Amino acid sequence: MEPGAWGNRTTVTEFILLGLTENVRLKPILFVVFLFAYVLTIGGNFSILAAIFVEPKLHTPMYYFLGNLSLLDIGCITVTVPPMLACLLPPQCRVPYAACLSQLFFFHLLAGVDCHLLTAMAYDRYLAICQPLTYSTRMRREVRGALVAICCTISFINALTHTVAVSVLDFCGPNVVNHFYCDLPPLFQLSCSSIHLNGQLLFVGATFMGVFPMILISVSYAHVTAAVLRIRSAEGRKKAFSTCGSHLTVVCIFYGTGFFSYMRLGSVSASDKDKGIGILNTILSPMLNPLIYSLRNPDVQGALKRVLMGKRPPE
């Protein structure tokens, strides 16, 4: 820490991340476990991308969004896990102030795009099931690109706002972050200046990045459910619901862990529960997404087999 401009106050130039555990014997085990989880996640999501790229059957709007979701999952886990693994090796993990803010920005940027992309995917399912005659025109390539661009723009503004708001806070010690990556709640607890504005910005951000998307997803699936229930054949209803089941599972995992992470701002100190929720949010969700989307999808399974075996798709 460096001397500040106000008497004996000091300015934090780096943070010390406590990481997942301080148990020296447990650290090598956690390193191997999370390295395996990282490699598995990267491999699974790249496999989904390869399957979508080589399989003509998967060149549809739904898989266009799924491909973008896989890219986001790769980005999200790369922002958090490699630095976490690096912190498991030395006795103390020191992170420069600028690096901490950079991680904060990119994590919220990617996670925010994830939020709105899941909403776009719900809208895609609504059009496919409720408006099938106009689906191909309403979800043409230009529209898909515009939806993804809107998702990125909203998330960029949100991430930049939070990062700038944190950068103007005073951190005058202590500088120990009880977490395995830099995030808003643990940094708020270390600030020696008022975080009232930051709390308000977080509330507004949670509304635009969490509440509004959840409302739109709920409305979309309410219409989907009503349309599916009007289908007379049981086989038709099952087929229609099967295209939505994977997406709903991912939505529940992503939003469930996200709400738990940011609804605990009233807590005085961080706990191991917050780290556990962070693992679910940053590691488990990206790792499970490829499995969830391929488990009950014969088209994806077939494409993955051809990718892994080096076979060309059928003409």
C-alpha atoms as a PDB file:
ATOM      1  CA  MET A   1       0.000   0.000   0.000  1.00  0.00           C
ATOM      2  CA  GLU A   2       1.156   3.534  -0.733  1.00  0.00           C
ATOM      3  CA  PRO A   3       0.734   6.667   1.362  1.00  0.00           C
ATOM      4  CA  GLY A   4      -2.381   8.580   0.454  1.00  0.00           C
ATOM      5  CA  ALA A   5      -3.150  12.218   0.346  1.00  0.00           C
ATOM      6  CA  TRP A   6      -5.069  12.365   3.636  1.00  0.00           C
ATOM      7  CA  GLY A   7      -2.734  12.196   6.589  1.00  0.00           C
ATOM      8  CA  ASN A   8      -2.061   8.613   7.693  1.00  0.00           C
ATOM      9  CA  ARG A   9      -4.463   7.031   5.201  1.00  0.00           C
ATOM     10  CA  THR A  10      -2.992   4.586   2.690  1.00  0.00           C
ATOM     11  CA  THR A  11      -4.103   3.562  -0.767  1.00  0.00           C
ATOM     12  CA  VAL A  12      -4.364  -0.095  -1.755  1.00  0.00           C
ATOM     13  CA  THR A  13      -2.277  -0.951  -4.830  1.00  0.00           C
ATOM     14  CA  GLU A  14      -2.923  -4.700  -4.710  1.00  0.00           C
ATOM     15  CA  PHE A  15      -5.363  -7.178  -3.200  1.00  0.00           C
ATOM     16  CA  ILE A  16      -4.637 -10.480  -1.515  1.00  0.00           C
ATOM     17  CA  LEU A  17      -7.108 -13.190  -2.533  1.00  0.00           C
ATOM     18  CA  LEU A  18      -7.639 -15.850   0.122  1.00  0.00           C
ATOM     19  CA  GLY A  19      -8.820 -18.252  -2.561  1.00  0.00           C
ATOM     20  CA  LEU A  20     -10.868 -21.364  -1.942  1.00  0.00           C
ATOM     21  CA  THR A  21      -8.934 -22.571   1.080  1.00  0.00           C
ATOM     22  CA  GLU A  22      -5.938 -21.814   3.266  1.00  0.00           C
ATOM     23  CA  ASN A  23      -5.326 -25.525   3.883  1.00  0.00           C
ATOM     24  CA  VAL A  24      -1.927 -26.242   2.303  1.00  0.00           C
ATOM     25  CA  ARG A  25      -2.628 -29.984   1.941  1.00  0.00           C
ATOM     26  CA  LEU A  26      -5.955 -29.368   0.222  1.00  0.00           C
ATOM     27  CA  LYS A  27      -4.615 -26.897  -2.349  1.00  0.00           C
ATOM     28  CA  PRO A  28      -2.927 -29.471  -4.680  1.00  0.00           C
ATOM     29  CA  ILE A  29      -6.117 -31.567  -4.709  1.00  0.00           C
ATOM     30  CA  LEU A  30      -8.253 -28.544  -5.568  1.00  0.00           C
ATOM     31  CA  PHE A  31      -5.744 -27.550  -8.246  1.00  0.00           C
ATOM     32  CA  VAL A  32      -6.091 -30.923 -10.003  1.00  0.00           C
ATOM     33  CA  VAL A  33      -9.908 -30.971  -9.625  1.00  0.00           C
ATOM     34  CA  PHE A  34     -10.475 -27.488 -11.034  1.00  0.00           C
ATOM     35  CA  LEU A  35      -7.842 -27.880 -13.751  1.00  0.00           C
ATOM     36  CA  PHE A  36      -9.738 -30.977 -14.888  1.00  0.00           C
ATOM     37  CA  ALA A  37     -13.050 -29.065 -14.712  1.00  0.00           C
ATOM     38  CA  TYR A  38     -11.550 -26.222 -16.770  1.00  0.00           C
ATOM     39  CA  VAL A  39     -10.162 -28.531 -19.467  1.00  0.00           C
ATOM     40  CA  LEU A  40     -13.462 -30.441 -19.559  1.00  0.00           C
ATOM     41  CA  THR A  41     -15.462 -27.217 -19.932  1.00  0.00           C
ATOM     42  CA  ILE A  42     -13.234 -25.805 -22.669  1.00  0.00           C
ATOM     43  CA  GLY A  43     -13.258 -29.135 -24.510  1.00  0.00           C
ATOM     44  CA  GLY A  44     -17.028 -29.567 -24.177  1.00  0.00           C
ATOM     45  CA  ASN A  45     -17.878 -26.076 -25.404  1.00  0.00           C
ATOM     46  CA  PHE A  46     -15.408 -26.211 -28.304  1.00  0.00           C
ATOM     47  CA  SER A  47     -16.931 -29.583 -29.251  1.00  0.00           C
ATOM     48  CA  ILE A  48     -20.381 -27.963 -29.365  1.00  0.00           C
ATOM     49  CA  LEU A  49     -18.985 -25.171 -31.555  1.00  0.00           C
ATOM     50  CA  ALA A  50     -17.328 -27.691 -33.883  1.00  0.00           C
ATOM     51  CA  ALA A  51     -20.529 -29.747 -34.113  1.00  0.00           C
ATOM     52  CA  ILE A  52     -22.582 -26.660 -35.005  1.00  0.00           C
ATOM     53  CA  PHE A  53     -20.001 -25.594 -37.581  1.00  0.00           C
ATOM     54  CA  VAL A  54     -19.737 -28.930 -39.448  1.00  0.00           C
ATOM     55  CA  GLU A  55     -23.329 -30.185 -39.206  1.00  0.00           C
ATOM     56  CA  PRO A  56     -25.727 -28.605 -41.753  1.00  0.00           C
ATOM     57  CA  LYS A  57     -28.743 -29.648 -39.651  1.00  0.00           C
ATOM     58  CA  LEU A  58     -27.505 -27.360 -36.879  1.00  0.00           C
ATOM     59  CA  HIS A  59     -27.287 -24.241 -39.057  1.00  0.00           C
ATOM     60  CA  THR A  60     -30.468 -22.840 -37.490  1.00  0.00           C
ATOM     61  CA  PRO A  61     -31.201 -19.818 -35.263  1.00  0.00           C
ATOM     62  CA  MET A  62     -31.414 -21.943 -32.098  1.00  0.00           C
ATOM     63  CA  TYR A  63     -27.916 -23.357 -32.618  1.00  0.00           C
ATOM     64  CA  TYR A  64     -26.583 -19.949 -33.657  1.00  0.00           C
ATOM     65  CA  PHE A  65     -27.474 -18.723 -30.173  1.00  0.00           C
ATOM     66  CA  LEU A  66     -26.158 -21.930 -28.603  1.00  0.00           C
ATOM     67  CA  GLY A  67     -22.819 -21.385 -30.344  1.00  0.00           C
ATOM     68  CA  ASN A  68     -22.624 -17.876 -28.902  1.00  0.00           C
ATOM     69  CA  LEU A  69     -23.524 -19.268 -25.472  1.00  0.00           C
ATOM     70  CA  SER A  70     -20.636 -21.751 -25.740  1.00  0.00           C
ATOM     71  CA  LEU A  71     -18.237 -18.905 -26.590  1.00  0.00           C
ATOM     72  CA  LEU A  72     -19.466 -16.980 -23.544  1.00  0.00           C
ATOM     73  CA  ASP A  73     -19.022 -20.020 -21.294  1.00  0.00           C
ATOM     74  CA  ILE A  74     -15.440 -20.387 -22.521  1.00  0.00           C
ATOM     75  CA  GLY A  75     -14.833 -16.708 -21.781  1.00  0.00           C
ATOM     76  CA  CYS A  76     -16.488 -16.725 -18.346  1.00  0.00           C
ATOM     77  CA  ILE A  77     -14.564 -19.712 -17.036  1.00  0.00           C
ATOM     78  CA  THR A  78     -11.289 -18.421 -18.532  1.00  0.00           C
ATOM     79  CA  VAL A  79     -11.677 -15.098 -16.716  1.00  0.00           C
ATOM     80  CA  THR A  80     -11.967 -16.804 -13.313  1.00  0.00           C
ATOM     81  CA  VAL A  81     -10.434 -20.306 -13.252  1.00  0.00           C
ATOM     82  CA  PRO A  82      -6.846 -19.831 -14.576  1.00  0.00           C
ATOM     83  CA  PRO A  83      -6.195 -16.969 -12.086  1.00  0.00           C
ATOM     84  CA  MET A  84      -7.752 -19.121  -9.345  1.00  0.00           C
ATOM     85  CA  LEU A  85      -5.447 -22.027 -10.260  1.00  0.00           C
ATOM     86  CA  ALA A  86      -2.448 -19.667 -10.197  1.00  0.00           C
ATOM     87  CA  CYS A  87      -3.470 -18.584  -6.703  1.00  0.00           C
ATOM     88  CA  LEU A  88      -3.532 -22.178  -5.438  1.00  0.00           C
ATOM     89  CA  LEU A  89       0.209 -22.609  -6.057  1.00  0.00           C
ATOM     90  CA  PRO A  90       1.954 -19.802  -4.091  1.00  0.00           C
ATOM     91  CA  PRO A  91       1.495 -19.342  -0.320  1.00  0.00           C
ATOM     92  CA  GLN A  92      -0.080 -15.931  -0.917  1.00  0.00           C
ATOM     93  CA  CYS A  93      -2.001 -14.670  -3.935  1.00  0.00           C
ATOM     94  CA  ARG A  94      -1.363 -10.999  -4.682  1.00  0.00           C
ATOM     95  CA  VAL A  95      -3.414  -9.369  -7.442  1.00  0.00           C
ATOM     96  CA  PRO A  96      -2.598  -5.835  -8.681  1.00  0.00           C
ATOM     97  CA  TYR A  97      -5.403  -3.305  -8.333  1.00  0.00           C
ATOM     98  CA  ALA A  98      -5.721  -2.849 -12.117  1.00  0.00           C
ATOM     99  CA  ALA A  99      -5.812  -6.615 -12.726  1.00  0.00           C
ATOM    100  CA  CYS A 100      -8.571  -6.980 -10.150  1.00  0.00           C
ATOM    101  CA  LEU A 101     -10.702  -4.322 -11.846  1.00  0.00           C
ATOM    102  CA  SER A 102     -10.032  -5.892 -15.250  1.00  0.00           C
ATOM    103  CA  GLN A 103     -11.254  -9.264 -14.025  1.00  0.00           C
ATOM    104  CA  LEU A 104     -14.308  -7.589 -12.520  1.00  0.00           C
ATOM    105  CA  PHE A 105     -15.112  -5.863 -15.836  1.00  0.00           C
ATOM    106  CA  PHE A 106     -14.714  -8.891 -18.090  1.00  0.00           C
ATOM    107  CA  PHE A 107     -16.600 -11.209 -15.742  1.00  0.00           C
ATOM    108  CA  HIS A 108     -19.609  -8.883 -15.598  1.00  0.00           C
ATOM    109  CA  LEU A 109     -19.394  -8.222 -19.340  1.00  0.00           C
ATOM    110  CA  LEU A 110     -19.520 -11.915 -20.255  1.00  0.00           C
ATOM    111  CA  ALA A 111     -22.025 -12.897 -17.565  1.00  0.00           C
ATOM    112  CA  GLY A 112     -24.270  -9.997 -18.608  1.00  0.00           C
ATOM    113  CA  VAL A 113     -24.254 -11.066 -22.260  1.00  0.00           C
ATOM    114  CA  ASP A 114     -25.126 -14.558 -20.998  1.00  0.00           C
ATOM    115  CA  CYS A 115     -28.206 -13.168 -19.211  1.00  0.00           C
ATOM    116  CA  HIS A 116     -29.606 -11.460 -22.276  1.00  0.00           C
ATOM    117  CA  LEU A 117     -28.591 -14.211 -24.683  1.00  0.00           C
ATOM    118  CA  LEU A 118     -30.699 -16.667 -22.669  1.00  0.00           C
ATOM    119  CA  THR A 119     -33.578 -14.203 -23.123  1.00  0.00           C
ATOM    120  CA  ALA A 120     -32.986 -14.120 -26.889  1.00  0.00           C
ATOM    121  CA  MET A 121     -33.023 -17.918 -26.913  1.00  0.00           C
ATOM    122  CA  ALA A 122     -36.393 -17.905 -25.113  1.00  0.00           C
ATOM    123  CA  TYR A 123     -37.721 -15.479 -27.742  1.00  0.00           C
ATOM    124  CA  ASP A 124     -36.413 -17.817 -30.435  1.00  0.00           C
ATOM    125  CA  ARG A 125     -38.350 -20.749 -28.905  1.00  0.00           C
ATOM    126  CA  TYR A 126     -41.472 -18.558 -28.670  1.00  0.00           C
ATOM    127  CA  LEU A 127     -41.303 -17.701 -32.379  1.00  0.00           C
ATOM    128  CA  ALA A 128     -40.528 -21.292 -33.391  1.00  0.00           C
ATOM    129  CA  ILE A 129     -43.491 -22.764 -31.516  1.00  0.00           C
ATOM    130  CA  CYS A 130     -46.057 -19.960 -31.440  1.00  0.00           C
ATOM    131  CA  GLN A 131     -45.312 -18.258 -34.791  1.00  0.00           C
ATOM    132  CA  PRO A 132     -43.939 -21.085 -36.987  1.00  0.00           C
ATOM    133  CA  LEU A 133     -45.173 -19.611 -40.307  1.00  0.00           C
ATOM    134  CA  THR A 134     -43.194 -16.381 -39.879  1.00  0.00           C
ATOM    135  CA  TYR A 135     -40.301 -17.872 -37.879  1.00  0.00           C
ATOM    136  CA  SER A 136     -37.761 -17.980 -40.716  1.00  0.00           C
ATOM    137  CA  THR A 137     -38.316 -14.320 -41.630  1.00  0.00           C
ATOM    138  CA  ARG A 138     -38.531 -13.004 -38.065  1.00  0.00           C
ATOM    139  CA  MET A 139     -35.378 -14.860 -37.037  1.00  0.00           C
ATOM    140  CA  ARG A 140     -33.299 -14.279 -40.176  1.00  0.00           C
ATOM    141  CA  ARG A 141     -29.543 -13.761 -39.966  1.00  0.00           C
ATOM    142  CA  GLU A 142     -29.713  -9.960 -39.627  1.00  0.00           C
ATOM    143  CA  VAL A 143     -32.165 -10.210 -36.740  1.00  0.00           C
ATOM    144  CA  ARG A 144     -30.018 -12.783 -34.934  1.00  0.00           C
ATOM    145  CA  GLY A 145     -26.951 -10.590 -35.333  1.00  0.00           C
ATOM    146  CA  ALA A 146     -28.843  -7.550 -34.072  1.00  0.00           C
ATOM    147  CA  LEU A 147     -30.083  -9.439 -30.991  1.00  0.00           C
ATOM    148  CA  VAL A 148     -26.549 -10.537 -30.094  1.00  0.00           C
ATOM    149  CA  ALA A 149     -25.252  -6.984 -30.647  1.00  0.00           C
ATOM    150  CA  ILE A 150     -27.950  -5.590 -28.325  1.00  0.00           C
ATOM    151  CA  CYS A 151     -27.010  -8.174 -25.677  1.00  0.00           C
ATOM    152  CA  CYS A 152     -23.339  -7.148 -25.900  1.00  0.00           C
ATOM    153  CA  THR A 153     -24.094  -3.411 -25.796  1.00  0.00           C
ATOM    154  CA  ILE A 154     -26.319  -3.581 -22.711  1.00  0.00           C
ATOM    155  CA  SER A 155     -23.817  -5.791 -20.901  1.00  0.00           C
ATOM    156  CA  PHE A 156     -20.879  -3.554 -21.843  1.00  0.00           C
ATOM    157  CA  ILE A 157     -22.622  -0.485 -20.414  1.00  0.00           C
ATOM    158  CA  ASN A 158     -23.498  -2.379 -17.215  1.00  0.00           C
ATOM    159  CA  ALA A 159     -19.976  -3.801 -16.723  1.00  0.00           C
ATOM    160  CA  LEU A 160     -18.295  -0.473 -17.463  1.00  0.00           C
ATOM    161  CA  THR A 161     -20.609   1.387 -15.064  1.00  0.00           C
ATOM    162  CA  HIS A 162     -19.849  -0.978 -12.175  1.00  0.00           C
ATOM    163  CA  THR A 163     -16.115  -0.993 -12.891  1.00  0.00           C
ATOM    164  CA  VAL A 164     -15.884   2.804 -12.993  1.00  0.00           C
ATOM    165  CA  ALA A 165     -18.010   3.071  -9.824  1.00  0.00           C
ATOM    166  CA  VAL A 166     -15.659   0.695  -7.995  1.00  0.00           C
ATOM    167  CA  SER A 167     -12.558   2.484  -9.308  1.00  0.00           C
ATOM    168  CA  VAL A 168     -13.551   5.729  -7.566  1.00  0.00           C
ATOM    169  CA  LEU A 169     -13.964   4.026  -4.175  1.00  0.00           C
ATOM    170  CA  ASP A 170     -11.268   4.480  -1.540  1.00  0.00           C
ATOM    171  CA  PHE A 171      -9.460   1.309  -0.460  1.00  0.00           C
ATOM    172  CA  CYS A 172      -7.225   2.167   2.456  1.00  0.00           C
ATOM    173  CA  GLY A 173      -6.807  -1.257   4.064  1.00  0.00           C
ATOM    174  CA  PRO A 174      -7.249  -4.067   4.815  1.00  0.00           C
ATOM    175  CA  ASN A 175      -6.728  -5.470   1.323  1.00  0.00           C
ATOM    176  CA  VAL A 176      -7.589  -9.143   1.900  1.00  0.00           C
ATOM    177  CA  VAL A 177     -10.421 -10.414  -0.335  1.00  0.00           C
ATOM    178  CA  ASN A 178     -12.178 -13.468   1.076  1.00  0.00           C
ATOM    179  CA  HIS A 179     -12.932 -14.937  -2.344  1.00  0.00           C
ATOM    180  CA  PHE A 180     -11.197 -16.646  -5.278  1.00  0.00           C
ATOM    181  CA  TYR A 181     -11.835 -13.848  -7.784  1.00  0.00           C
ATOM    182  CA  CYS A 182     -12.515 -10.114  -7.725  1.00  0.00           C
ATOM    183  CA  ASP A 183     -16.241  -9.377  -7.555  1.00  0.00           C
ATOM    184  CA  LEU A 184     -18.446  -6.546  -6.331  1.00  0.00           C
ATOM    185  CA  PRO A 185     -19.673  -7.787  -2.891  1.00  0.00           C
ATOM    186  CA  PRO A 186     -16.213  -8.678  -1.446  1.00  0.00           C
ATOM    187  CA  LEU A 187     -14.710  -5.433  -2.794  1.00  0.00           C
ATOM    188  CA  PHE A 188     -17.546  -3.388  -1.276  1.00  0.00           C
ATOM    189  CA  GLN A 189     -16.670  -4.862   2.120  1.00  0.00           C
ATOM    190  CA  LEU A 190     -13.094  -3.530   1.854  1.00  0.00           C
ATOM    191  CA  SER A 191     -13.973   0.016   0.845  1.00  0.00           C
ATOM    192  CA  CYS A 192     -13.413   2.757   3.398  1.00  0.00           C
ATOM    193  CA  SER A 193     -15.731   5.154   1.561  1.00  0.00           C
ATOM    194  CA  SER A 194     -19.487   5.101   1.122  1.00  0.00           C
ATOM    195  CA  ILE A 195     -20.835   2.371  -1.150  1.00  0.00           C
ATOM    196  CA  HIS A 196     -24.381   3.765  -1.180  1.00  0.00           C
ATOM    197  CA  LEU A 197     -24.184   4.744  -4.855  1.00  0.00           C
ATOM    198  CA  ASN A 198     -22.625   1.388  -5.731  1.00  0.00           C
ATOM    199  CA  GLY A 199     -25.469  -0.408  -3.992  1.00  0.00           C
ATOM    200  CA  GLN A 200     -28.013   1.609  -5.968  1.00  0.00           C
ATOM    201  CA  LEU A 201     -26.176   0.900  -9.233  1.00  0.00           C
ATOM    202  CA  LEU A 202     -26.071  -2.785  -8.384  1.00  0.00           C
ATOM    203  CA  PHE A 203     -29.809  -2.763  -7.730  1.00  0.00           C
ATOM    204  CA  VAL A 204     -30.494  -1.036 -11.064  1.00  0.00           C
ATOM    205  CA  GLY A 205     -28.083  -3.389 -12.822  1.00  0.00           C
ATOM    206  CA  ALA A 206     -29.710  -6.443 -11.255  1.00  0.00           C
ATOM    207  CA  THR A 207     -33.074  -5.166 -12.463  1.00  0.00           C
ATOM    208  CA  PHE A 208     -31.939  -4.741 -16.081  1.00  0.00           C
ATOM    209  CA  MET A 209     -29.632  -7.771 -16.158  1.00  0.00           C
ATOM    210  CA  GLY A 210     -31.709 -10.175 -14.067  1.00  0.00           C
ATOM    211  CA  VAL A 211     -35.308  -9.201 -13.340  1.00  0.00           C
ATOM    212  CA  PHE A 212     -36.339  -7.893 -16.774  1.00  0.00           C
ATOM    213  CA  PRO A 213     -34.795 -10.852 -18.645  1.00  0.00           C
ATOM    214  CA  MET A 214     -36.489 -13.287 -16.254  1.00  0.00           C
ATOM    215  CA  ILE A 215     -39.851 -11.583 -16.853  1.00  0.00           C
ATOM    216  CA  LEU A 216     -39.357 -11.794 -20.632  1.00  0.00           C
ATOM    217  CA  ILE A 217     -38.324 -15.455 -20.390  1.00  0.00           C
ATOM    218  CA  SER A 218     -41.364 -16.227 -18.214  1.00  0.00           C
ATOM    219  CA  VAL A 219     -43.735 -14.462 -20.621  1.00  0.00           C
ATOM    220  CA  SER A 220     -42.200 -16.290 -23.596  1.00  0.00           C
ATOM    221  CA  TYR A 221     -42.602 -19.678 -21.947  1.00  0.00           C
ATOM    222  CA  ALA A 222     -46.119 -18.885 -20.782  1.00  0.00           C
ATOM    223  CA  HIS A 223     -47.058 -18.414 -24.447  1.00  0.00           C
ATOM    224  CA  VAL A 224     -45.072 -21.537 -25.401  1.00  0.00           C
ATOM    225  CA  THR A 225     -46.826 -23.625 -22.746  1.00  0.00           C
ATOM    226  CA  ALA A 226     -50.260 -22.415 -23.859  1.00  0.00           C
ATOM    227  CA  ALA A 227     -49.418 -23.213 -27.506  1.00  0.00           C
ATOM    228  CA  VAL A 228     -48.048 -26.665 -26.690  1.00  0.00           C
ATOM    229  CA  LEU A 229     -51.078 -27.596 -24.590  1.00  0.00           C
ATOM    230  CA  ARG A 230     -53.258 -26.901 -27.629  1.00  0.00           C
ATOM    231  CA  ILE A 231     -51.409 -29.624 -29.558  1.00  0.00           C
ATOM    232  CA  ARG A 232     -53.661 -32.684 -29.579  1.00  0.00           C
ATOM    233  CA  SER A 233     -51.124 -35.489 -29.939  1.00  0.00           C
ATOM    234  CA  ALA A 234     -49.006 -36.474 -26.943  1.00  0.00           C
ATOM    235  CA  GLU A 235     -46.029 -37.067 -29.246  1.00  0.00           C
ATOM    236  CA  GLY A 236     -46.332 -33.535 -30.645  1.00  0.00           C
ATOM    237  CA  ARG A 237     -46.444 -32.008 -27.163  1.00  0.00           C
ATOM    238  CA  LYS A 238     -43.427 -34.054 -26.074  1.00  0.00           C
ATOM    239  CA  LYS A 239     -41.417 -32.978 -29.131  1.00  0.00           C
ATOM    240  CA  ALA A 240     -42.294 -29.306 -28.610  1.00  0.00           C
ATOM    241  CA  PHE A 241     -41.393 -29.360 -24.910  1.00  0.00           C
ATOM    242  CA  SER A 242     -38.148 -31.258 -25.572  1.00  0.00           C
ATOM    243  CA  THR A 243     -36.785 -28.308 -27.579  1.00  0.00           C
ATOM    244  CA  CYS A 244     -37.304 -26.052 -24.536  1.00  0.00           C
ATOM    245  CA  GLY A 245     -36.234 -28.350 -21.694  1.00  0.00           C
ATOM    246  CA  SER A 246     -32.479 -27.854 -22.122  1.00  0.00           C
ATOM    247  CA  HIS A 247     -32.817 -24.082 -22.275  1.00  0.00           C
ATOM    248  CA  LEU A 248     -35.029 -23.958 -19.169  1.00  0.00           C
ATOM    249  CA  THR A 249     -32.530 -26.109 -17.245  1.00  0.00           C
ATOM    250  CA  VAL A 250     -29.665 -23.751 -18.133  1.00  0.00           C
ATOM    251  CA  VAL A 251     -31.798 -20.709 -17.199  1.00  0.00           C
ATOM    252  CA  CYS A 252     -32.607 -22.176 -13.776  1.00  0.00           C
ATOM    253  CA  ILE A 253     -28.957 -22.988 -13.015  1.00  0.00           C
ATOM    254  CA  PHE A 254     -27.614 -19.650 -14.265  1.00  0.00           C
ATOM    255  CA  TYR A 255     -30.183 -17.341 -12.677  1.00  0.00           C
ATOM    256  CA  GLY A 256     -30.472 -19.404  -9.497  1.00  0.00           C
ATOM    257  CA  THR A 257     -26.762 -19.140  -8.692  1.00  0.00           C
ATOM    258  CA  GLY A 258     -26.629 -15.519  -9.881  1.00  0.00           C
ATOM    259  CA  PHE A 259     -29.437 -14.349  -7.604  1.00  0.00           C
ATOM    260  CA  PHE A 260     -27.870 -16.117  -4.610  1.00  0.00           C
ATOM    261  CA  SER A 261     -24.538 -14.390  -5.336  1.00  0.00           C
ATOM    262  CA  TYR A 262     -25.898 -10.822  -5.397  1.00  0.00           C
ATOM    263  CA  MET A 263     -28.799 -10.953  -2.967  1.00  0.00           C
ATOM    264  CA  ARG A 264     -26.421 -11.288   0.013  1.00  0.00           C
ATOM    265  CA  LEU A 265     -25.142  -7.705   0.030  1.00  0.00           C
ATOM    266  CA  GLY A 266     -26.558  -7.177   3.492  1.00  0.00           C
ATOM    267  CA  SER A 267     -24.111  -9.731   4.866  1.00  0.00           C
ATOM    268  CA  VAL A 268     -21.376  -8.125   6.942  1.00  0.00           C
ATOM    269  CA  SER A 269     -18.632 -10.527   5.911  1.00  0.00           C
ATOM    270  CA  ALA A 270     -18.013 -12.997   3.122  1.00  0.00           C
ATOM    271  CA  SER A 271     -18.251 -16.674   3.949  1.00  0.00           C
ATOM    272  CA  ASP A 272     -17.419 -20.055   2.461  1.00  0.00           C
ATOM    273  CA  LYS A 273     -21.048 -20.211   1.281  1.00  0.00           C
ATOM    274  CA  ASP A 274     -20.326 -17.283  -1.062  1.00  0.00           C
ATOM    275  CA  LYS A 275     -17.345 -19.179  -2.475  1.00  0.00           C
ATOM    276  CA  GLY A 276     -19.501 -22.248  -2.999  1.00  0.00           C
ATOM    277  CA  ILE A 277     -22.113 -20.183  -4.847  1.00  0.00           C
ATOM    278  CA  GLY A 278     -19.285 -18.607  -6.867  1.00  0.00           C
ATOM    279  CA  ILE A 279     -18.101 -22.083  -7.929  1.00  0.00           C
ATOM    280  CA  LEU A 280     -21.628 -22.958  -9.063  1.00  0.00           C
ATOM    281  CA  ASN A 281     -21.906 -19.697 -10.997  1.00  0.00           C
ATOM    282  CA  THR A 282     -18.475 -19.547 -12.633  1.00  0.00           C
ATOM    283  CA  ILE A 283     -17.505 -23.216 -13.054  1.00  0.00           C
ATOM    284  CA  LEU A 284     -20.406 -25.642 -12.761  1.00  0.00           C
ATOM    285  CA  SER A 285     -22.816 -23.793 -15.055  1.00  0.00           C
ATOM    286  CA  PRO A 286     -20.389 -23.478 -18.028  1.00  0.00           C
ATOM    287  CA  MET A 287     -19.269 -27.090 -17.505  1.00  0.00           C
ATOM    288  CA  LEU A 288     -22.823 -28.487 -17.530  1.00  0.00           C
ATOM    289  CA  ASN A 289     -24.172 -26.494 -20.489  1.00  0.00           C
ATOM    290  CA  PRO A 290     -22.643 -28.696 -23.236  1.00  0.00           C
ATOM    291  CA  LEU A 291     -23.867 -31.802 -21.440  1.00  0.00           C
ATOM    292  CA  ILE A 292     -27.373 -30.402 -20.962  1.00  0.00           C
ATOM    293  CA  TYR A 293     -27.743 -29.380 -24.614  1.00  0.00           C
ATOM    294  CA  SER A 294     -26.342 -32.637 -26.039  1.00  0.00           C
ATOM    295  CA  LEU A 295     -27.831 -35.164 -23.610  1.00  0.00           C
ATOM    296  CA  ARG A 296     -31.301 -35.372 -25.189  1.00  0.00           C
ATOM    297  CA  ASN A 297     -30.508 -34.005 -28.634  1.00  0.00           C
ATOM    298  CA  PRO A 298     -29.826 -36.698 -31.270  1.00  0.00           C
ATOM    299  CA  ASP A 299     -28.735 -34.111 -33.873  1.00  0.00           C
ATOM    300  CA  VAL A 300     -26.045 -32.713 -31.568  1.00  0.00           C
ATOM    301  CA  GLN A 301     -25.000 -36.202 -30.455  1.00  0.00           C
ATOM    302  CA  GLY A 302     -24.636 -37.343 -34.056  1.00  0.00           C
ATOM    303  CA  ALA A 303     -22.650 -34.239 -34.988  1.00  0.00           C
ATOM    304  CA  LEU A 304     -20.367 -34.672 -31.956  1.00  0.00           C
ATOM    305  CA  LYS A 305     -19.672 -38.297 -32.891  1.00  0.00           C
ATOM    306  CA  ARG A 306     -18.741 -37.263 -36.429  1.00  0.00           C
ATOM    307  CA  VAL A 307     -16.476 -34.472 -35.108  1.00  0.00           C
ATOM    308  CA  LEU A 308     -14.696 -36.787 -32.665  1.00  0.00           C
ATOM    309  CA  MET A 309     -14.323 -39.581 -35.229  1.00  0.00           C
ATOM    310  CA  GLY A 310     -13.334 -37.228 -38.056  1.00  0.00           C
ATOM    311  CA  LYS A 311     -16.212 -38.225 -40.311  1.00  0.00           C
ATOM    312  CA  ARG A 312     -17.862 -35.886 -42.792  1.00  0.00           C
ATOM    313  CA  PRO A 313     -21.593 -35.083 -42.357  1.00  0.00           C
ATOM    314  CA  PRO A 314     -23.990 -36.894 -44.704  1.00  0.00           C
ATOM    315  CA  GLU A 315     -24.869 -35.088 -47.916  1.00  0.00           C
END
